[in-house]
Amino acid sequence: MTKRELVKIISEATGTSRWMAYDIVDILLDSIAYLLAEEGRLTIRGFGTFVVKERAGRLGRNPRTGEVIRIPPKKRVSFKPSPKLIERLN
């Protein structure tokens, strides 16, 4: 699903304009990103938990030159669905 499709669904479900729904989606996504950056964890009851995890740095290889390079640690977001969400999907 694209952001545009999500905006359309929210707009139709709430009876608001697409511009208003677009703002709602933007605020929601920005809030999730902000909370993850600040807290490192966000739990939405009945939906699931987002957690920021750090992937360790490692050695890699440049595929063109074969040179060994150091790949720095990176943060990624992990999502664990709640039992209610899993039940709803099944």
N, C-alpha and C. Protein backbone atom coordinates (compact mmCIF):
# COMPACT_ATOMS: atom_id res chain seq x y z
N MET A 1 0.84 -1.17 0.00
CA MET A 1 0.00 0.00 0.00
C MET A 1 0.89 1.23 0.00
N THR A 2 0.51 2.20 -0.80
CA THR A 2 1.27 3.44 -0.86
C THR A 2 0.68 4.46 0.10
N LYS A 3 1.43 5.52 0.33
CA LYS A 3 0.95 6.60 1.19
C LYS A 3 -0.32 7.21 0.60
N ARG A 4 -0.35 7.34 -0.70
CA ARG A 4 -1.52 7.91 -1.39
C ARG A 4 -2.76 7.06 -1.15
N GLU A 5 -2.61 5.74 -1.20
CA GLU A 5 -3.74 4.84 -0.96
C GLU A 5 -4.21 4.94 0.49
N LEU A 6 -3.27 5.04 1.42
CA LEU A 6 -3.62 5.20 2.83
C LEU A 6 -4.39 6.50 3.06
N VAL A 7 -3.93 7.57 2.43
CA VAL A 7 -4.61 8.87 2.54
C VAL A 7 -6.04 8.75 2.02
N LYS A 8 -6.22 8.07 0.91
CA LYS A 8 -7.56 7.91 0.33
C LYS A 8 -8.48 7.15 1.29
N ILE A 9 -7.98 6.07 1.89
CA ILE A 9 -8.78 5.28 2.84
C ILE A 9 -9.18 6.13 4.05
N ILE A 10 -8.23 6.88 4.60
CA ILE A 10 -8.51 7.72 5.77
C ILE A 10 -9.49 8.83 5.41
N SER A 11 -9.31 9.43 4.25
CA SER A 11 -10.20 10.49 3.79
C SER A 11 -11.63 9.98 3.67
N GLU A 12 -11.80 8.82 3.07
CA GLU A 12 -13.14 8.26 2.89
C GLU A 12 -13.75 7.81 4.22
N ALA A 13 -12.94 7.25 5.10
CA ALA A 13 -13.45 6.75 6.38
C ALA A 13 -13.86 7.87 7.33
N THR A 14 -13.17 9.01 7.25
CA THR A 14 -13.45 10.11 8.17
C THR A 14 -14.30 11.22 7.55
N GLY A 15 -14.47 11.17 6.25
CA GLY A 15 -15.24 12.21 5.58
C GLY A 15 -14.50 13.53 5.48
N THR A 16 -13.18 13.49 5.59
CA THR A 16 -12.38 14.71 5.48
C THR A 16 -11.81 14.81 4.07
N SER A 17 -11.26 15.97 3.78
CA SER A 17 -10.65 16.16 2.47
C SER A 17 -9.36 15.34 2.38
N ARG A 18 -8.92 15.11 1.17
CA ARG A 18 -7.67 14.36 1.00
C ARG A 18 -6.49 15.14 1.58
N TRP A 19 -6.54 16.47 1.48
CA TRP A 19 -5.45 17.28 2.02
C TRP A 19 -5.37 17.14 3.54
N MET A 20 -6.53 17.12 4.18
CA MET A 20 -6.56 16.95 5.64
C MET A 20 -6.05 15.56 6.01
N ALA A 21 -6.49 14.55 5.28
CA ALA A 21 -6.04 13.18 5.54
C ALA A 21 -4.54 13.06 5.29
N TYR A 22 -4.03 13.73 4.27
CA TYR A 22 -2.59 13.72 3.99
C TYR A 22 -1.82 14.31 5.17
N ASP A 23 -2.34 15.42 5.72
CA ASP A 23 -1.70 16.04 6.89
C ASP A 23 -1.72 15.08 8.09
N ILE A 24 -2.84 14.38 8.27
CA ILE A 24 -2.95 13.42 9.38
C ILE A 24 -1.91 12.32 9.25
N VAL A 25 -1.79 11.76 8.05
CA VAL A 25 -0.81 10.69 7.81
C VAL A 25 0.60 11.21 8.03
N ASP A 26 0.90 12.40 7.52
CA ASP A 26 2.23 13.00 7.71
C ASP A 26 2.55 13.20 9.19
N ILE A 27 1.60 13.73 9.94
CA ILE A 27 1.81 13.97 11.37
C ILE A 27 2.03 12.64 12.09
N LEU A 28 1.24 11.64 11.76
CA LEU A 28 1.38 10.32 12.39
C LEU A 28 2.77 9.73 12.11
N LEU A 29 3.18 9.74 10.85
CA LEU A 29 4.48 9.15 10.50
C LEU A 29 5.64 9.94 11.10
N ASP A 30 5.53 11.27 11.08
CA ASP A 30 6.58 12.10 11.70
C ASP A 30 6.66 11.84 13.21
N SER A 31 5.50 11.67 13.84
CA SER A 31 5.47 11.41 15.28
C SER A 31 6.11 10.06 15.61
N ILE A 32 5.82 9.05 14.81
CA ILE A 32 6.42 7.73 15.02
C ILE A 32 7.94 7.83 14.87
N ALA A 33 8.41 8.50 13.82
CA ALA A 33 9.85 8.64 13.60
C ALA A 33 10.50 9.40 14.75
N TYR A 34 9.86 10.48 15.21
CA TYR A 34 10.41 11.27 16.31
C TYR A 34 10.51 10.44 17.59
N LEU A 35 9.42 9.74 17.92
CA LEU A 35 9.42 8.93 19.15
C LEU A 35 10.46 7.82 19.09
N LEU A 36 10.63 7.21 17.94
CA LEU A 36 11.65 6.16 17.81
C LEU A 36 13.04 6.75 17.97
N ALA A 37 13.27 7.93 17.41
CA ALA A 37 14.58 8.57 17.53
C ALA A 37 14.87 8.97 18.97
N GLU A 38 13.85 9.44 19.68
CA GLU A 38 14.03 9.91 21.05
C GLU A 38 14.02 8.78 22.08
N GLU A 39 13.06 7.88 21.96
CA GLU A 39 12.84 6.85 22.97
C GLU A 39 13.44 5.49 22.59
N GLY A 40 13.54 5.22 21.30
CA GLY A 40 14.06 3.94 20.85
C GLY A 40 13.02 2.83 20.84
N ARG A 41 11.79 3.16 21.25
CA ARG A 41 10.74 2.14 21.33
C ARG A 41 9.38 2.83 21.29
N LEU A 42 8.43 2.21 20.59
CA LEU A 42 7.06 2.73 20.54
C LEU A 42 6.11 1.55 20.53
N THR A 43 5.23 1.50 21.53
CA THR A 43 4.23 0.43 21.61
C THR A 43 2.86 1.02 21.38
N ILE A 44 2.13 0.44 20.44
CA ILE A 44 0.75 0.81 20.19
C ILE A 44 -0.08 -0.41 20.56
N ARG A 45 -0.80 -0.32 21.67
CA ARG A 45 -1.56 -1.47 22.17
C ARG A 45 -2.55 -1.96 21.12
N GLY A 46 -2.61 -3.26 20.99
CA GLY A 46 -3.50 -3.87 20.02
C GLY A 46 -2.94 -3.88 18.62
N PHE A 47 -1.77 -3.27 18.42
CA PHE A 47 -1.16 -3.24 17.09
C PHE A 47 0.23 -3.87 17.11
N GLY A 48 1.13 -3.33 17.94
CA GLY A 48 2.47 -3.91 18.02
C GLY A 48 3.48 -2.94 18.58
N THR A 49 4.74 -3.37 18.54
CA THR A 49 5.84 -2.58 19.10
C THR A 49 6.93 -2.38 18.06
N PHE A 50 7.33 -1.13 17.91
CA PHE A 50 8.46 -0.76 17.06
C PHE A 50 9.66 -0.57 17.98
N VAL A 51 10.81 -1.13 17.62
CA VAL A 51 12.02 -1.00 18.44
C VAL A 51 13.19 -0.67 17.52
N VAL A 52 14.01 0.31 17.95
CA VAL A 52 15.23 0.64 17.22
C VAL A 52 16.31 -0.31 17.70
N LYS A 53 16.93 -1.01 16.75
CA LYS A 53 18.04 -1.92 17.07
C LYS A 53 19.26 -1.48 16.28
N GLU A 54 20.43 -1.71 16.87
CA GLU A 54 21.65 -1.35 16.17
C GLU A 54 22.30 -2.60 15.60
N ARG A 55 22.55 -2.56 14.32
CA ARG A 55 23.26 -3.65 13.66
C ARG A 55 24.76 -3.39 13.82
N ALA A 56 25.48 -4.38 14.25
CA ALA A 56 26.92 -4.22 14.52
C ALA A 56 27.68 -3.90 13.24
N GLY A 57 28.77 -3.17 13.41
CA GLY A 57 29.66 -2.92 12.29
C GLY A 57 30.34 -4.22 11.90
N ARG A 58 30.82 -4.27 10.66
CA ARG A 58 31.45 -5.50 10.19
C ARG A 58 32.39 -5.17 9.04
N LEU A 59 33.14 -6.17 8.65
CA LEU A 59 34.00 -6.02 7.49
C LEU A 59 33.26 -6.54 6.27
N GLY A 60 33.40 -5.83 5.17
CA GLY A 60 32.77 -6.23 3.92
C GLY A 60 33.79 -6.16 2.81
N ARG A 61 33.33 -6.39 1.61
CA ARG A 61 34.23 -6.37 0.47
C ARG A 61 33.59 -5.58 -0.66
N ASN A 62 34.36 -4.67 -1.25
CA ASN A 62 33.90 -3.93 -2.41
C ASN A 62 33.81 -4.91 -3.57
N PRO A 63 32.62 -5.11 -4.16
CA PRO A 63 32.49 -6.11 -5.22
C PRO A 63 33.26 -5.77 -6.49
N ARG A 64 33.53 -4.51 -6.73
CA ARG A 64 34.27 -4.12 -7.95
C ARG A 64 35.77 -4.34 -7.81
N THR A 65 36.30 -3.92 -6.64
CA THR A 65 37.76 -3.96 -6.48
C THR A 65 38.25 -5.11 -5.62
N GLY A 66 37.35 -5.70 -4.85
CA GLY A 66 37.75 -6.77 -3.95
C GLY A 66 38.37 -6.24 -2.66
N GLU A 67 38.47 -4.93 -2.54
CA GLU A 67 39.07 -4.31 -1.36
C GLU A 67 38.19 -4.56 -0.12
N VAL A 68 38.84 -4.89 0.99
CA VAL A 68 38.12 -5.08 2.25
C VAL A 68 37.81 -3.71 2.82
N ILE A 69 36.56 -3.51 3.19
CA ILE A 69 36.14 -2.22 3.74
C ILE A 69 35.42 -2.46 5.06
N ARG A 70 35.43 -1.43 5.89
CA ARG A 70 34.72 -1.50 7.17
C ARG A 70 33.33 -0.91 6.97
N ILE A 71 32.31 -1.68 7.31
CA ILE A 71 30.93 -1.22 7.24
C ILE A 71 30.54 -0.79 8.65
N PRO A 72 30.17 0.48 8.82
CA PRO A 72 29.88 0.99 10.16
C PRO A 72 28.58 0.43 10.73
N PRO A 73 28.41 0.51 12.05
CA PRO A 73 27.14 0.08 12.65
C PRO A 73 25.99 0.93 12.11
N LYS A 74 24.82 0.32 12.01
CA LYS A 74 23.64 1.04 11.52
C LYS A 74 22.45 0.73 12.41
N LYS A 75 21.56 1.70 12.51
CA LYS A 75 20.32 1.49 13.25
C LYS A 75 19.25 1.04 12.27
N ARG A 76 18.38 0.17 12.78
CA ARG A 76 17.24 -0.28 11.97
C ARG A 76 16.04 -0.37 12.89
N VAL A 77 14.87 -0.44 12.29
CA VAL A 77 13.64 -0.53 13.07
C VAL A 77 13.07 -1.93 12.93
N SER A 78 12.75 -2.51 14.06
CA SER A 78 12.15 -3.84 14.12
C SER A 78 10.71 -3.67 14.58
N PHE A 79 9.81 -4.51 14.06
CA PHE A 79 8.40 -4.46 14.46
C PHE A 79 7.96 -5.83 14.92
N LYS A 80 7.32 -5.87 16.09
CA LYS A 80 6.75 -7.11 16.61
C LYS A 80 5.25 -6.90 16.75
N PRO A 81 4.45 -7.62 15.97
CA PRO A 81 3.00 -7.44 16.05
C PRO A 81 2.44 -7.95 17.37
N SER A 82 1.35 -7.32 17.81
CA SER A 82 0.69 -7.75 19.05
C SER A 82 -0.11 -9.02 18.78
N PRO A 83 -0.42 -9.77 19.83
CA PRO A 83 -1.27 -10.96 19.65
C PRO A 83 -2.62 -10.63 19.01
N LYS A 84 -3.18 -9.46 19.33
CA LYS A 84 -4.46 -9.06 18.73
C LYS A 84 -4.33 -8.88 17.22
N LEU A 85 -3.23 -8.27 16.78
CA LEU A 85 -3.02 -8.07 15.34
C LEU A 85 -2.82 -9.41 14.65
N ILE A 86 -2.05 -10.29 15.25
CA ILE A 86 -1.83 -11.62 14.67
C ILE A 86 -3.15 -12.37 14.57
N GLU A 87 -3.97 -12.28 15.62
CA GLU A 87 -5.27 -12.95 15.61
C GLU A 87 -6.16 -12.39 14.50
N ARG A 88 -6.12 -11.09 14.32
CA ARG A 88 -6.94 -10.45 13.28
C ARG A 88 -6.50 -10.87 11.87
N LEU A 89 -5.21 -11.09 11.70
CA LEU A 89 -4.70 -11.50 10.39
C LEU A 89 -5.03 -12.95 10.07
N ASN A 90 -5.18 -13.76 11.11
CA ASN A 90 -5.48 -15.18 10.91
C ASN A 90 -6.95 -15.36 11.06
